[in-house]
C-alpha atoms as a PDB file:
ATOM      1  CA  UNK A   1      -1.927   8.818 -36.239  1.00  0.00           C
ATOM      2  CA  UNK A   2       0.056   7.582 -33.226  1.00  0.00           C
ATOM      3  CA  UNK A   3      -1.451   4.745 -31.232  1.00  0.00           C
ATOM      4  CA  UNK A   4      -3.547   5.878 -28.310  1.00  0.00           C
ATOM      5  CA  UNK A   5      -2.407   4.595 -24.913  1.00  0.00           C
ATOM      6  CA  UNK A   6      -4.329   1.569 -23.724  1.00  0.00           C
ATOM      7  CA  UNK A   7      -6.875   2.386 -21.061  1.00  0.00           C
ATOM      8  CA  UNK A   8      -6.133   0.630 -17.766  1.00  0.00           C
ATOM      9  CA  UNK A   9      -8.914   0.509 -15.216  1.00  0.00           C
ATOM     10  CA  UNK A  10      -8.423   0.369 -11.463  1.00  0.00           C
ATOM     11  CA  UNK A  11     -11.467  -0.862  -9.560  1.00  0.00           C
ATOM     12  CA  UNK A  12     -12.663  -1.934  -6.146  1.00  0.00           C
ATOM     13  CA  UNK A  13     -15.225  -4.718  -6.178  1.00  0.00           C
ATOM     14  CA  UNK A  14     -18.589  -3.779  -4.658  1.00  0.00           C
ATOM     15  CA  UNK A  15     -18.323  -6.774  -2.300  1.00  0.00           C
ATOM     16  CA  UNK A  16     -15.384  -5.102  -0.526  1.00  0.00           C
ATOM     17  CA  UNK A  17     -17.463  -2.030   0.293  1.00  0.00           C
ATOM     18  CA  UNK A  18     -20.480  -4.149   1.220  1.00  0.00           C
ATOM     19  CA  UNK A  19     -18.449  -6.254   3.640  1.00  0.00           C
ATOM     20  CA  UNK A  20     -16.771  -3.261   5.289  1.00  0.00           C
ATOM     21  CA  UNK A  21     -19.041  -0.192   5.269  1.00  0.00           C
ATOM     22  CA  UNK A  22     -17.116   3.052   5.585  1.00  0.00           C
ATOM     23  CA  UNK A  23     -13.988   1.645   3.932  1.00  0.00           C
ATOM     24  CA  UNK A  24     -12.317   3.954   1.389  1.00  0.00           C
ATOM     25  CA  UNK A  25      -9.144   3.827  -0.660  1.00  0.00           C
ATOM     26  CA  UNK A  26      -7.289   6.900  -1.849  1.00  0.00           C
ATOM     27  CA  UNK A  27      -4.754   6.508  -4.647  1.00  0.00           C
ATOM     28  CA  UNK A  28      -2.001   9.079  -5.051  1.00  0.00           C
ATOM     29  CA  UNK A  29      -0.776   8.918  -8.653  1.00  0.00           C
ATOM     30  CA  UNK A  30       2.743  10.191  -9.272  1.00  0.00           C
ATOM     31  CA  UNK A  31       3.703  10.396 -12.939  1.00  0.00           C
ATOM     32  CA  UNK A  32       7.083  11.297 -14.473  1.00  0.00           C
ATOM     33  CA  UNK A  33       8.913  10.882 -11.169  1.00  0.00           C
ATOM     34  CA  UNK A  34      12.670  10.413 -10.831  1.00  0.00           C
ATOM     35  CA  UNK A  35      13.331   7.782  -8.199  1.00  0.00           C
ATOM     36  CA  UNK A  36      16.731   7.697  -6.472  1.00  0.00           C
ATOM     37  CA  UNK A  37      18.433   6.076  -3.511  1.00  0.00           C
ATOM     38  CA  UNK A  38      17.117   7.958  -0.497  1.00  0.00           C
ATOM     39  CA  UNK A  39      19.232  11.035   0.262  1.00  0.00           C
ATOM     40  CA  UNK A  40      20.379  11.723   3.820  1.00  0.00           C
ATOM     41  CA  UNK A  41      17.604  14.268   4.352  1.00  0.00           C
ATOM     42  CA  UNK A  42      14.884  11.720   3.539  1.00  0.00           C
ATOM     43  CA  UNK A  43      16.491   9.047   5.732  1.00  0.00           C
ATOM     44  CA  UNK A  44      16.495  11.571   8.574  1.00  0.00           C
ATOM     45  CA  UNK A  45      12.742  12.023   8.064  1.00  0.00           C
ATOM     46  CA  UNK A  46      12.298   8.241   8.197  1.00  0.00           C
ATOM     47  CA  UNK A  47      14.252   8.035  11.467  1.00  0.00           C
ATOM     48  CA  UNK A  48      12.237  10.931  12.886  1.00  0.00           C
ATOM     49  CA  UNK A  49       8.958   9.195  11.960  1.00  0.00           C
ATOM     50  CA  UNK A  50      10.183   6.038  13.697  1.00  0.00           C
ATOM     51  CA  UNK A  51      11.095   7.938  16.870  1.00  0.00           C
ATOM     52  CA  UNK A  52       7.807   9.846  16.880  1.00  0.00           C
ATOM     53  CA  UNK A  53       5.928   6.532  16.623  1.00  0.00           C
ATOM     54  CA  UNK A  54       7.946   5.060  19.505  1.00  0.00           C
ATOM     55  CA  UNK A  55       7.144   8.024  21.712  1.00  0.00           C
ATOM     56  CA  UNK A  56       3.473   8.201  20.743  1.00  0.00           C
ATOM     57  CA  UNK A  57       2.861   4.481  21.257  1.00  0.00           C
ATOM     58  CA  UNK A  58       5.201   3.803  24.189  1.00  0.00           C
ATOM     59  CA  UNK A  59       3.637   1.513  26.766  1.00  0.00           C
ATOM     60  CA  UNK A  60       0.518   0.839  24.694  1.00  0.00           C
ATOM     61  CA  UNK A  61      -0.844  -2.520  23.686  1.00  0.00           C
ATOM     62  CA  UNK A  62      -0.464  -2.105  19.939  1.00  0.00           C
ATOM     63  CA  UNK A  63      -3.096  -4.707  19.106  1.00  0.00           C
ATOM     64  CA  UNK A  64      -5.653  -2.684  21.134  1.00  0.00           C
ATOM     65  CA  UNK A  65      -4.954   0.620  19.375  1.00  0.00           C
ATOM     66  CA  UNK A  66      -8.172   1.558  17.520  1.00  0.00           C
ATOM     67  CA  UNK A  67      -6.464   2.035  14.142  1.00  0.00           C
ATOM     68  CA  UNK A  68      -4.651  -1.310  14.484  1.00  0.00           C
ATOM     69  CA  UNK A  69      -7.440  -3.353  16.045  1.00  0.00           C
ATOM     70  CA  UNK A  70      -9.803  -2.366  13.221  1.00  0.00           C
ATOM     71  CA  UNK A  71      -7.525  -4.106  10.720  1.00  0.00           C
ATOM     72  CA  UNK A  72      -7.034  -7.111  13.001  1.00  0.00           C
ATOM     73  CA  UNK A  73     -10.805  -7.517  13.296  1.00  0.00           C
ATOM     74  CA  UNK A  74     -11.203  -7.134   9.526  1.00  0.00           C
ATOM     75  CA  UNK A  75      -8.622  -9.866   8.968  1.00  0.00           C
ATOM     76  CA  UNK A  76     -10.426 -12.141  11.428  1.00  0.00           C
ATOM     77  CA  UNK A  77     -13.710 -11.499   9.622  1.00  0.00           C
ATOM     78  CA  UNK A  78     -12.039 -12.701   6.414  1.00  0.00           C
ATOM     79  CA  UNK A  79     -10.724 -15.849   8.087  1.00  0.00           C
ATOM     80  CA  UNK A  80      -7.140 -14.608   8.472  1.00  0.00           C
ATOM     81  CA  UNK A  81      -5.331 -14.925  11.807  1.00  0.00           C
ATOM     82  CA  UNK A  82      -3.793 -11.465  12.413  1.00  0.00           C
ATOM     83  CA  UNK A  83      -1.171 -12.872  14.773  1.00  0.00           C
ATOM     84  CA  UNK A  84       0.059 -15.113  11.939  1.00  0.00           C
ATOM     85  CA  UNK A  85      -0.398 -12.694   9.034  1.00  0.00           C
ATOM     86  CA  UNK A  86      -0.060  -9.210  10.455  1.00  0.00           C
ATOM     87  CA  UNK A  87      -1.405  -6.268   8.452  1.00  0.00           C
ATOM     88  CA  UNK A  88       1.607  -4.537   6.912  1.00  0.00           C
ATOM     89  CA  UNK A  89       1.231  -1.380   8.997  1.00  0.00           C
ATOM     90  CA  UNK A  90       1.144  -3.353  12.247  1.00  0.00           C
ATOM     91  CA  UNK A  91       4.165  -5.440  11.244  1.00  0.00           C
ATOM     92  CA  UNK A  92       6.141  -2.286  10.458  1.00  0.00           C
ATOM     93  CA  UNK A  93       5.140  -0.607  13.715  1.00  0.00           C
ATOM     94  CA  UNK A  94       6.082  -3.646  15.778  1.00  0.00           C
ATOM     95  CA  UNK A  95       9.510  -3.653  14.199  1.00  0.00           C
ATOM     96  CA  UNK A  96       9.952   0.041  14.979  1.00  0.00           C
ATOM     97  CA  UNK A  97       8.650  -0.270  18.547  1.00  0.00           C
ATOM     98  CA  UNK A  98      11.107  -3.100  19.142  1.00  0.00           C
ATOM     99  CA  UNK A  99      13.895  -0.606  18.486  1.00  0.00           C
ATOM    100  CA  UNK A 100      14.769  -1.593  14.937  1.00  0.00           C
ATOM    101  CA  UNK A 101      15.312   0.843  12.084  1.00  0.00           C
ATOM    102  CA  UNK A 102      13.506   0.322   8.795  1.00  0.00           C
ATOM    103  CA  UNK A 103      15.893  -0.196   5.896  1.00  0.00           C
ATOM    104  CA  UNK A 104      16.274   2.718   3.494  1.00  0.00           C
ATOM    105  CA  UNK A 105      15.226   1.196   0.158  1.00  0.00           C
ATOM    106  CA  UNK A 106      14.689   4.067  -2.266  1.00  0.00           C
ATOM    107  CA  UNK A 107      13.009   7.446  -2.164  1.00  0.00           C
ATOM    108  CA  UNK A 108       9.554   6.370  -3.335  1.00  0.00           C
ATOM    109  CA  UNK A 109       9.370   3.368  -0.998  1.00  0.00           C
ATOM    110  CA  UNK A 110      10.716   5.264   1.991  1.00  0.00           C
ATOM    111  CA  UNK A 111       8.200   8.071   1.474  1.00  0.00           C
ATOM    112  CA  UNK A 112       5.364   5.561   1.748  1.00  0.00           C
ATOM    113  CA  UNK A 113       6.808   4.181   4.986  1.00  0.00           C
ATOM    114  CA  UNK A 114       7.267   7.650   6.462  1.00  0.00           C
ATOM    115  CA  UNK A 115       3.648   8.593   5.807  1.00  0.00           C
ATOM    116  CA  UNK A 116       2.339   5.261   7.085  1.00  0.00           C
ATOM    117  CA  UNK A 117       4.224   5.779  10.363  1.00  0.00           C
ATOM    118  CA  UNK A 118       3.069   9.382  10.679  1.00  0.00           C
ATOM    119  CA  UNK A 119      -0.612   8.744   9.952  1.00  0.00           C
ATOM    120  CA  UNK A 120      -0.993   5.114  11.120  1.00  0.00           C
ATOM    121  CA  UNK A 121      -2.572   4.117   7.839  1.00  0.00           C
ATOM    122  CA  UNK A 122      -1.597   1.354   5.398  1.00  0.00           C
ATOM    123  CA  UNK A 123       0.319   2.908   2.498  1.00  0.00           C
ATOM    124  CA  UNK A 124       1.409   0.634  -0.342  1.00  0.00           C
ATOM    125  CA  UNK A 125       3.290   1.823  -3.415  1.00  0.00           C
ATOM    126  CA  UNK A 126       3.011   0.053  -6.772  1.00  0.00           C
ATOM    127  CA  UNK A 127       5.001   0.682  -9.952  1.00  0.00           C
ATOM    128  CA  UNK A 128       2.075   1.282 -12.280  1.00  0.00           C
ATOM    129  CA  UNK A 129       4.270   1.562 -15.356  1.00  0.00           C
ATOM    130  CA  UNK A 130       4.695  -2.212 -15.112  1.00  0.00           C
ATOM    131  CA  UNK A 131       0.996  -2.881 -15.579  1.00  0.00           C
ATOM    132  CA  UNK A 132      -0.318  -4.471 -18.755  1.00  0.00           C
ATOM    133  CA  UNK A 133      -3.953  -4.902 -17.778  1.00  0.00           C
ATOM    134  CA  UNK A 134      -6.723  -3.769 -15.474  1.00  0.00           C
ATOM    135  CA  UNK A 135      -6.286  -4.054 -11.714  1.00  0.00           C
ATOM    136  CA  UNK A 136      -8.783  -4.539  -8.915  1.00  0.00           C
ATOM    137  CA  UNK A 137      -9.124  -5.027  -5.198  1.00  0.00           C
ATOM    138  CA  UNK A 138     -11.540  -7.946  -5.003  1.00  0.00           C
ATOM    139  CA  UNK A 139     -12.273 -11.323  -3.446  1.00  0.00           C
ATOM    140  CA  UNK A 140     -10.195 -14.093  -4.996  1.00  0.00           C
ATOM    141  CA  UNK A 141     -11.959 -16.578  -7.235  1.00  0.00           C
ATOM    142  CA  UNK A 142      -9.525 -19.329  -6.303  1.00  0.00           C
ATOM    143  CA  UNK A 143      -7.385 -19.657  -9.439  1.00  0.00           C
ATOM    144  CA  UNK A 144      -5.042 -16.669  -9.094  1.00  0.00           C
ATOM    145  CA  UNK A 145      -1.266 -16.911  -8.618  1.00  0.00           C
ATOM    146  CA  UNK A 146       0.942 -14.997  -6.217  1.00  0.00           C
ATOM    147  CA  UNK A 147       4.734 -15.017  -6.547  1.00  0.00           C
ATOM    148  CA  UNK A 148       6.211 -14.115  -3.128  1.00  0.00           C
ATOM    149  CA  UNK A 149       8.739 -11.317  -3.048  1.00  0.00           C
ATOM    150  CA  UNK A 150      12.227 -12.393  -1.995  1.00  0.00           C
ATOM    151  CA  UNK A 151      15.358 -10.389  -1.327  1.00  0.00           C
ATOM    152  CA  UNK A 152      18.026 -10.415  -4.041  1.00  0.00           C
ATOM    153  CA  UNK A 153      20.131 -13.544  -3.751  1.00  0.00           C
ATOM    154  CA  UNK A 154      17.525 -15.506  -1.804  1.00  0.00           C
ATOM    155  CA  UNK A 155      15.985 -18.597  -3.424  1.00  0.00           C
ATOM    156  CA  UNK A 156      12.653 -18.017  -5.116  1.00  0.00           C
ATOM    157  CA  UNK A 157       9.705 -19.316  -3.133  1.00  0.00           C
ATOM    158  CA  UNK A 158       7.015 -21.381  -4.839  1.00  0.00           C
ATOM    159  CA  UNK A 159       3.943 -19.668  -6.218  1.00  0.00           C
ATOM    160  CA  UNK A 160       0.922 -19.450  -3.940  1.00  0.00           C
ATOM    161  CA  UNK A 161      -2.762 -19.692  -4.766  1.00  0.00           C
ATOM    162  CA  UNK A 162      -4.942 -17.522  -2.521  1.00  0.00           C
ATOM    163  CA  UNK A 163      -8.110 -19.275  -1.373  1.00  0.00           C
ATOM    164  CA  UNK A 164     -11.478 -18.241  -2.726  1.00  0.00           C
ATOM    165  CA  UNK A 165     -12.779 -15.163  -0.928  1.00  0.00           C
ATOM    166  CA  UNK A 166      -9.419 -13.763   0.203  1.00  0.00           C
ATOM    167  CA  UNK A 167      -9.163 -10.049  -0.550  1.00  0.00           C
ATOM    168  CA  UNK A 168      -6.470  -9.571  -3.189  1.00  0.00           C
ATOM    169  CA  UNK A 169      -5.201  -6.684  -5.279  1.00  0.00           C
ATOM    170  CA  UNK A 170      -4.713  -8.256  -8.671  1.00  0.00           C
ATOM    171  CA  UNK A 171      -3.911  -7.663 -12.319  1.00  0.00           C
ATOM    172  CA  UNK A 172      -6.108 -10.260 -13.950  1.00  0.00           C
ATOM    173  CA  UNK A 173      -5.097 -13.526 -12.302  1.00  0.00           C
ATOM    174  CA  UNK A 174      -1.726 -12.166 -11.145  1.00  0.00           C
ATOM    175  CA  UNK A 175      -1.837 -11.208  -7.476  1.00  0.00           C
ATOM    176  CA  UNK A 176      -0.079  -7.946  -6.629  1.00  0.00           C
ATOM    177  CA  UNK A 177      -0.958  -7.936  -2.909  1.00  0.00           C
ATOM    178  CA  UNK A 178      -2.294 -10.775  -0.774  1.00  0.00           C
ATOM    179  CA  UNK A 179      -4.681 -10.456   2.160  1.00  0.00           C
ATOM    180  CA  UNK A 180      -5.784  -6.891   1.346  1.00  0.00           C
ATOM    181  CA  UNK A 181      -2.850  -5.048   2.960  1.00  0.00           C
ATOM    182  CA  UNK A 182      -0.534  -7.897   3.925  1.00  0.00           C
ATOM    183  CA  UNK A 183       2.285  -8.384   1.437  1.00  0.00           C
ATOM    184  CA  UNK A 184       3.081  -7.317  -2.121  1.00  0.00           C
ATOM    185  CA  UNK A 185       4.629  -9.372  -4.888  1.00  0.00           C
ATOM    186  CA  UNK A 186       7.590  -8.362  -7.015  1.00  0.00           C
ATOM    187  CA  UNK A 187       5.302  -7.698 -10.016  1.00  0.00           C
ATOM    188  CA  UNK A 188       4.829  -4.007  -9.213  1.00  0.00           C
ATOM    189  CA  UNK A 189       7.824  -3.512  -6.954  1.00  0.00           C
ATOM    190  CA  UNK A 190       9.009   0.105  -6.941  1.00  0.00           C
ATOM    191  CA  UNK A 191      12.591   0.344  -8.225  1.00  0.00           C
ATOM    192  CA  UNK A 192      14.965   3.091  -9.318  1.00  0.00           C
ATOM    193  CA  UNK A 193      13.537   2.709 -12.843  1.00  0.00           C
ATOM    194  CA  UNK A 194       9.971   3.412 -11.731  1.00  0.00           C
ATOM    195  CA  UNK A 195       8.546   6.565 -13.327  1.00  0.00           C
ATOM    196  CA  UNK A 196       4.824   6.089 -12.560  1.00  0.00           C
ATOM    197  CA  UNK A 197       3.848   5.004  -9.070  1.00  0.00           C
ATOM    198  CA  UNK A 198       0.532   4.702  -7.293  1.00  0.00           C
ATOM    199  CA  UNK A 199       0.267   4.864  -3.517  1.00  0.00           C
ATOM    200  CA  UNK A 200      -2.728   3.001  -2.100  1.00  0.00           C
ATOM    201  CA  UNK A 201      -3.892   4.637   1.135  1.00  0.00           C
ATOM    202  CA  UNK A 202      -6.448   2.489   2.953  1.00  0.00           C
ATOM    203  CA  UNK A 203      -8.969   4.073   5.301  1.00  0.00           C
ATOM    204  CA  UNK A 204     -10.912   1.676   7.537  1.00  0.00           C
ATOM    205  CA  UNK A 205     -13.087   3.147  10.313  1.00  0.00           C
ATOM    206  CA  UNK A 206     -12.422   4.485  12.876  1.00  0.00           C
ATOM    207  CA  UNK A 207      -9.857   6.089  10.542  1.00  0.00           C
ATOM    208  CA  UNK A 208     -11.510   9.020   8.784  1.00  0.00           C
ATOM    209  CA  UNK A 209     -11.378  10.472   5.308  1.00  0.00           C
ATOM    210  CA  UNK A 210      -9.694  13.528   6.837  1.00  0.00           C
ATOM    211  CA  UNK A 211      -6.843  11.314   8.039  1.00  0.00           C
ATOM    212  CA  UNK A 212      -6.592   9.845   4.562  1.00  0.00           C
ATOM    213  CA  UNK A 213      -6.483  13.309   3.043  1.00  0.00           C
ATOM    214  CA  UNK A 214      -3.681  14.226   5.434  1.00  0.00           C
ATOM    215  CA  UNK A 215      -1.714  11.164   4.349  1.00  0.00           C
ATOM    216  CA  UNK A 216      -2.247  11.956   0.659  1.00  0.00           C
ATOM    217  CA  UNK A 217      -1.126  15.534   1.188  1.00  0.00           C
ATOM    218  CA  UNK A 218       2.053  14.389   2.897  1.00  0.00           C
ATOM    219  CA  UNK A 219       2.798  11.912   0.097  1.00  0.00           C
ATOM    220  CA  UNK A 220       2.339  14.647  -2.500  1.00  0.00           C
ATOM    221  CA  UNK A 221       4.596  17.041  -0.589  1.00  0.00           C
ATOM    222  CA  UNK A 222       7.395  14.489  -0.132  1.00  0.00           C
ATOM    223  CA  UNK A 223       7.280  13.027  -3.653  1.00  0.00           C
ATOM    224  CA  UNK A 224       7.283  16.507  -5.188  1.00  0.00           C
ATOM    225  CA  UNK A 225      10.185  17.510  -2.955  1.00  0.00           C
ATOM    226  CA  UNK A 226      12.385  14.477  -3.544  1.00  0.00           C
ATOM    227  CA  UNK A 227      11.255  12.950  -6.857  1.00  0.00           C
ATOM    228  CA  UNK A 228       9.409  15.648  -8.815  1.00  0.00           C
ATOM    229  CA  UNK A 229       6.696  14.543 -11.220  1.00  0.00           C
ATOM    230  CA  UNK A 230       3.005  15.231 -11.730  1.00  0.00           C
ATOM    231  CA  UNK A 231       0.881  14.350  -8.700  1.00  0.00           C
ATOM    232  CA  UNK A 232      -2.852  13.794  -8.303  1.00  0.00           C
ATOM    233  CA  UNK A 233      -5.201  12.010  -5.920  1.00  0.00           C
ATOM    234  CA  UNK A 234      -8.169   9.801  -6.763  1.00  0.00           C
ATOM    235  CA  UNK A 235     -10.696   8.306  -4.352  1.00  0.00           C
ATOM    236  CA  UNK A 236     -12.263   4.883  -4.756  1.00  0.00           C
ATOM    237  CA  UNK A 237     -15.607   4.792  -2.962  1.00  0.00           C
ATOM    238  CA  UNK A 238     -18.924   2.927  -3.236  1.00  0.00           C
ATOM    239  CA  UNK A 239     -20.157   5.740  -5.481  1.00  0.00           C
ATOM    240  CA  UNK A 240     -16.936   5.919  -7.511  1.00  0.00           C
ATOM    241  CA  UNK A 241     -15.442   2.396  -7.559  1.00  0.00           C
ATOM    242  CA  UNK A 242     -13.435   2.732 -10.806  1.00  0.00           C
ATOM    243  CA  UNK A 243     -10.718   5.080 -12.017  1.00  0.00           C
ATOM    244  CA  UNK A 244      -8.764   5.227 -15.275  1.00  0.00           C
ATOM    245  CA  UNK A 245      -4.961   5.178 -14.960  1.00  0.00           C
ATOM    246  CA  UNK A 246      -4.365   6.378 -18.512  1.00  0.00           C
ATOM    247  CA  UNK A 247      -3.144   9.916 -19.073  1.00  0.00           C
END
């Protein structure tokens, strides 16, 4: 008989939910996708999402926006200075509001950025076909390693060791994302070879589950349209903190 695929579990530690009541994470799983450089039509959607964000947020203090300030306060509660380590969504929005265009990277990555701009939610894509073991969003124990992502041609930065208690998304002791939603490593970077991707959609009150469902629906529509594949959505909640990525 052929070998059965190894079961890979994806979990959120109970301490995350206990520390931040109302927090949820949706995961859009896209299997058998065909990733490509972003076609002109998708880049136009990215530019439109940027312009819509500029118009919607013009003249506002971004740090006071309810959906941004919630993440800044969460970072502060975890001992992270949000002005030094900005949540990824805030950093992207600030770049856009300053008049800069986001680089077109590839279809799967750009889709995540489009939906994050549209819904004002953190959306992080991970190449799940690179995984070899279970993954979890959890407080760091203090012995994990994070290899910072660098652009091709840039010198590799030294490995980092997140302090105990920092929220990390990790595969064993290998950190895939530091500071909850701050920055990913190259370990699960989405490339043109990626065929199985998972989009993490983070919902922190006052963001609602309905907003998260909207974001998931838009991801499914865009991935199906531009990359094909088999799409599904799973929710990680206090009552359902573990999903199986096999199958």
